[in-house]
């Protein structure tokens, strides 16, 4: 959480003195724990949710575009945002922020895409 948004994390930690920050950090932590990006040899799968569940999959053969975005702080801490769009959609289908080593994730997707 800190590596992805360090300024917001520090602000929320300061707000913990007023209890509001604890609630915000707890829900942010739940959101982070409930998000899983899986890259297999066949597809990329995004699963979100702890109590409820949402799954989005894109098969490698359908991947049209892989986007990688990193802010200055994200580059410093080695995290970033990975976005994937398929041939069937005009916009990004899977977008995940806070991915450690996003270059490696993009490389894995590209590698499986070419097979």
C-alpha atoms as a PDB file:
ATOM      1  CA  UNK A   1       0.000   0.000   0.000  1.00  0.00           C
ATOM      2  CA  UNK A   2       2.832   2.391   0.874  1.00  0.00           C
ATOM      3  CA  UNK A   3       4.794   1.627  -2.292  1.00  0.00           C
ATOM      4  CA  UNK A   4       1.787   2.274  -4.518  1.00  0.00           C
ATOM      5  CA  UNK A   5       0.608   5.578  -2.986  1.00  0.00           C
ATOM      6  CA  UNK A   6       3.128   6.777  -0.372  1.00  0.00           C
ATOM      7  CA  UNK A   7       1.678  10.276   0.091  1.00  0.00           C
ATOM      8  CA  UNK A   8      -1.871   9.008   0.656  1.00  0.00           C
ATOM      9  CA  UNK A   9      -0.556   6.309   3.004  1.00  0.00           C
ATOM     10  CA  UNK A  10       1.260   8.874   5.176  1.00  0.00           C
ATOM     11  CA  UNK A  11      -1.820  11.125   5.259  1.00  0.00           C
ATOM     12  CA  UNK A  12      -4.034   8.217   6.340  1.00  0.00           C
ATOM     13  CA  UNK A  13      -1.518   7.230   9.020  1.00  0.00           C
ATOM     14  CA  UNK A  14      -1.635  10.759  10.408  1.00  0.00           C
ATOM     15  CA  UNK A  15      -5.446  10.569  10.324  1.00  0.00           C
ATOM     16  CA  UNK A  16      -5.205   7.435  12.495  1.00  0.00           C
ATOM     17  CA  UNK A  17      -4.746   9.818  15.394  1.00  0.00           C
ATOM     18  CA  UNK A  18      -8.376  10.843  14.801  1.00  0.00           C
ATOM     19  CA  UNK A  19      -9.564   7.226  14.169  1.00  0.00           C
ATOM     20  CA  UNK A  20     -10.770   8.099  10.638  1.00  0.00           C
ATOM     21  CA  UNK A  21      -7.455   6.939   9.185  1.00  0.00           C
ATOM     22  CA  UNK A  22      -7.803   3.497  10.744  1.00  0.00           C
ATOM     23  CA  UNK A  23     -11.109   2.918   8.961  1.00  0.00           C
ATOM     24  CA  UNK A  24      -9.731   4.179   5.628  1.00  0.00           C
ATOM     25  CA  UNK A  25      -6.560   2.077   5.932  1.00  0.00           C
ATOM     26  CA  UNK A  26      -8.591  -1.014   6.869  1.00  0.00           C
ATOM     27  CA  UNK A  27     -10.827  -0.794   3.783  1.00  0.00           C
ATOM     28  CA  UNK A  28      -7.831  -0.006   1.575  1.00  0.00           C
ATOM     29  CA  UNK A  29      -6.035  -3.065   3.003  1.00  0.00           C
ATOM     30  CA  UNK A  30      -9.112  -5.254   2.358  1.00  0.00           C
ATOM     31  CA  UNK A  31      -9.243  -4.043  -1.235  1.00  0.00           C
ATOM     32  CA  UNK A  32      -5.541  -4.854  -1.725  1.00  0.00           C
ATOM     33  CA  UNK A  33      -5.875  -8.304  -0.152  1.00  0.00           C
ATOM     34  CA  UNK A  34      -8.934  -9.095  -2.247  1.00  0.00           C
ATOM     35  CA  UNK A  35      -7.299  -8.327  -5.609  1.00  0.00           C
ATOM     36  CA  UNK A  36      -5.335 -11.037  -7.401  1.00  0.00           C
ATOM     37  CA  UNK A  37      -3.813 -10.907 -10.886  1.00  0.00           C
ATOM     38  CA  UNK A  38      -2.826 -14.296 -12.303  1.00  0.00           C
ATOM     39  CA  UNK A  39      -0.859 -14.767 -15.518  1.00  0.00           C
ATOM     40  CA  UNK A  40      -0.968 -18.340 -16.849  1.00  0.00           C
ATOM     41  CA  UNK A  41       0.215 -19.793 -20.128  1.00  0.00           C
ATOM     42  CA  UNK A  42      -3.301 -19.351 -21.584  1.00  0.00           C
ATOM     43  CA  UNK A  43      -4.833 -16.240 -20.028  1.00  0.00           C
ATOM     44  CA  UNK A  44      -4.643 -13.287 -17.648  1.00  0.00           C
ATOM     45  CA  UNK A  45      -7.165 -13.430 -14.826  1.00  0.00           C
ATOM     46  CA  UNK A  46      -8.152 -10.631 -12.441  1.00  0.00           C
ATOM     47  CA  UNK A  47     -10.068 -11.628  -9.316  1.00  0.00           C
ATOM     48  CA  UNK A  48     -11.466  -8.941  -7.014  1.00  0.00           C
ATOM     49  CA  UNK A  49     -13.360  -9.229  -3.766  1.00  0.00           C
ATOM     50  CA  UNK A  50     -13.334 -10.953  -0.419  1.00  0.00           C
ATOM     51  CA  UNK A  51     -17.011 -11.230   0.455  1.00  0.00           C
ATOM     52  CA  UNK A  52     -18.274 -10.710  -3.084  1.00  0.00           C
ATOM     53  CA  UNK A  53     -16.347 -11.855  -6.135  1.00  0.00           C
ATOM     54  CA  UNK A  54     -15.646 -10.467  -9.584  1.00  0.00           C
ATOM     55  CA  UNK A  55     -13.521 -12.300 -12.167  1.00  0.00           C
ATOM     56  CA  UNK A  56     -12.336 -10.913 -15.483  1.00  0.00           C
ATOM     57  CA  UNK A  57     -10.263 -12.991 -17.918  1.00  0.00           C
ATOM     58  CA  UNK A  58      -8.500 -12.190 -21.162  1.00  0.00           C
ATOM     59  CA  UNK A  59      -7.055 -15.011 -23.245  1.00  0.00           C
ATOM     60  CA  UNK A  60      -3.536 -14.359 -24.542  1.00  0.00           C
ATOM     61  CA  UNK A  61      -4.601 -14.931 -28.134  1.00  0.00           C
ATOM     62  CA  UNK A  62      -7.115 -12.056 -27.743  1.00  0.00           C
ATOM     63  CA  UNK A  63      -4.753  -9.526 -26.129  1.00  0.00           C
ATOM     64  CA  UNK A  64      -4.490  -6.438 -28.316  1.00  0.00           C
ATOM     65  CA  UNK A  65      -2.662  -4.051 -26.012  1.00  0.00           C
ATOM     66  CA  UNK A  66      -0.713  -4.138 -22.747  1.00  0.00           C
ATOM     67  CA  UNK A  67      -0.195  -0.797 -21.019  1.00  0.00           C
ATOM     68  CA  UNK A  68       2.271  -0.049 -18.263  1.00  0.00           C
ATOM     69  CA  UNK A  69       2.041   3.178 -16.237  1.00  0.00           C
ATOM     70  CA  UNK A  70       4.295   4.275 -13.383  1.00  0.00           C
ATOM     71  CA  UNK A  71       4.293   7.564 -11.511  1.00  0.00           C
ATOM     72  CA  UNK A  72       7.532   8.946 -10.114  1.00  0.00           C
ATOM     73  CA  UNK A  73       6.929   7.445  -6.663  1.00  0.00           C
ATOM     74  CA  UNK A  74       5.808   4.132  -8.156  1.00  0.00           C
ATOM     75  CA  UNK A  75       9.076   3.933 -10.112  1.00  0.00           C
ATOM     76  CA  UNK A  76      11.037   4.625  -6.923  1.00  0.00           C
ATOM     77  CA  UNK A  77       9.273   1.784  -5.117  1.00  0.00           C
ATOM     78  CA  UNK A  78       9.163  -0.669  -8.044  1.00  0.00           C
ATOM     79  CA  UNK A  79       5.397  -0.860  -8.546  1.00  0.00           C
ATOM     80  CA  UNK A  80       3.047   0.287 -11.295  1.00  0.00           C
ATOM     81  CA  UNK A  81      -0.243  -0.087 -13.116  1.00  0.00           C
ATOM     82  CA  UNK A  82      -0.782  -2.748 -15.773  1.00  0.00           C
ATOM     83  CA  UNK A  83      -3.703  -2.436 -18.200  1.00  0.00           C
ATOM     84  CA  UNK A  84      -4.790  -5.068 -20.721  1.00  0.00           C
ATOM     85  CA  UNK A  85      -7.246  -4.670 -23.581  1.00  0.00           C
ATOM     86  CA  UNK A  86      -8.485  -7.366 -25.910  1.00  0.00           C
ATOM     87  CA  UNK A  87      -9.580  -7.408 -29.519  1.00  0.00           C
ATOM     88  CA  UNK A  88     -13.220  -7.637 -28.399  1.00  0.00           C
ATOM     89  CA  UNK A  89     -13.241  -4.399 -26.360  1.00  0.00           C
ATOM     90  CA  UNK A  90     -12.349  -0.830 -27.230  1.00  0.00           C
ATOM     91  CA  UNK A  91     -11.135   0.077 -23.734  1.00  0.00           C
ATOM     92  CA  UNK A  92      -8.983  -1.467 -21.005  1.00  0.00           C
ATOM     93  CA  UNK A  93     -10.581  -4.663 -19.682  1.00  0.00           C
ATOM     94  CA  UNK A  94      -8.155  -5.440 -16.893  1.00  0.00           C
ATOM     95  CA  UNK A  95      -6.416  -2.684 -14.954  1.00  0.00           C
ATOM     96  CA  UNK A  96      -4.519  -3.323 -11.736  1.00  0.00           C
ATOM     97  CA  UNK A  97      -2.549  -0.773  -9.765  1.00  0.00           C
ATOM     98  CA  UNK A  98       0.217  -1.494  -7.272  1.00  0.00           C
ATOM     99  CA  UNK A  99       1.682  -4.454  -9.169  1.00  0.00           C
ATOM    100  CA  UNK A 100       5.248  -5.208  -8.013  1.00  0.00           C
ATOM    101  CA  UNK A 101       7.740  -5.347 -10.913  1.00  0.00           C
ATOM    102  CA  UNK A 102       5.237  -4.405 -13.650  1.00  0.00           C
ATOM    103  CA  UNK A 103       7.898  -4.736 -16.378  1.00  0.00           C
ATOM    104  CA  UNK A 104       8.191  -8.442 -15.590  1.00  0.00           C
ATOM    105  CA  UNK A 105       4.403  -8.874 -15.684  1.00  0.00           C
ATOM    106  CA  UNK A 106       4.207  -7.149 -19.088  1.00  0.00           C
ATOM    107  CA  UNK A 107       7.092  -9.287 -20.350  1.00  0.00           C
ATOM    108  CA  UNK A 108       5.313 -12.478 -19.205  1.00  0.00           C
ATOM    109  CA  UNK A 109       2.096 -11.485 -20.972  1.00  0.00           C
ATOM    110  CA  UNK A 110       3.968 -10.571 -24.158  1.00  0.00           C
ATOM    111  CA  UNK A 111       5.904 -13.820 -24.012  1.00  0.00           C
ATOM    112  CA  UNK A 112       2.746 -15.957 -23.802  1.00  0.00           C
ATOM    113  CA  UNK A 113       0.980 -13.780 -26.352  1.00  0.00           C
ATOM    114  CA  UNK A 114       3.514 -14.574 -29.059  1.00  0.00           C
ATOM    115  CA  UNK A 115       3.089 -18.358 -28.761  1.00  0.00           C
END
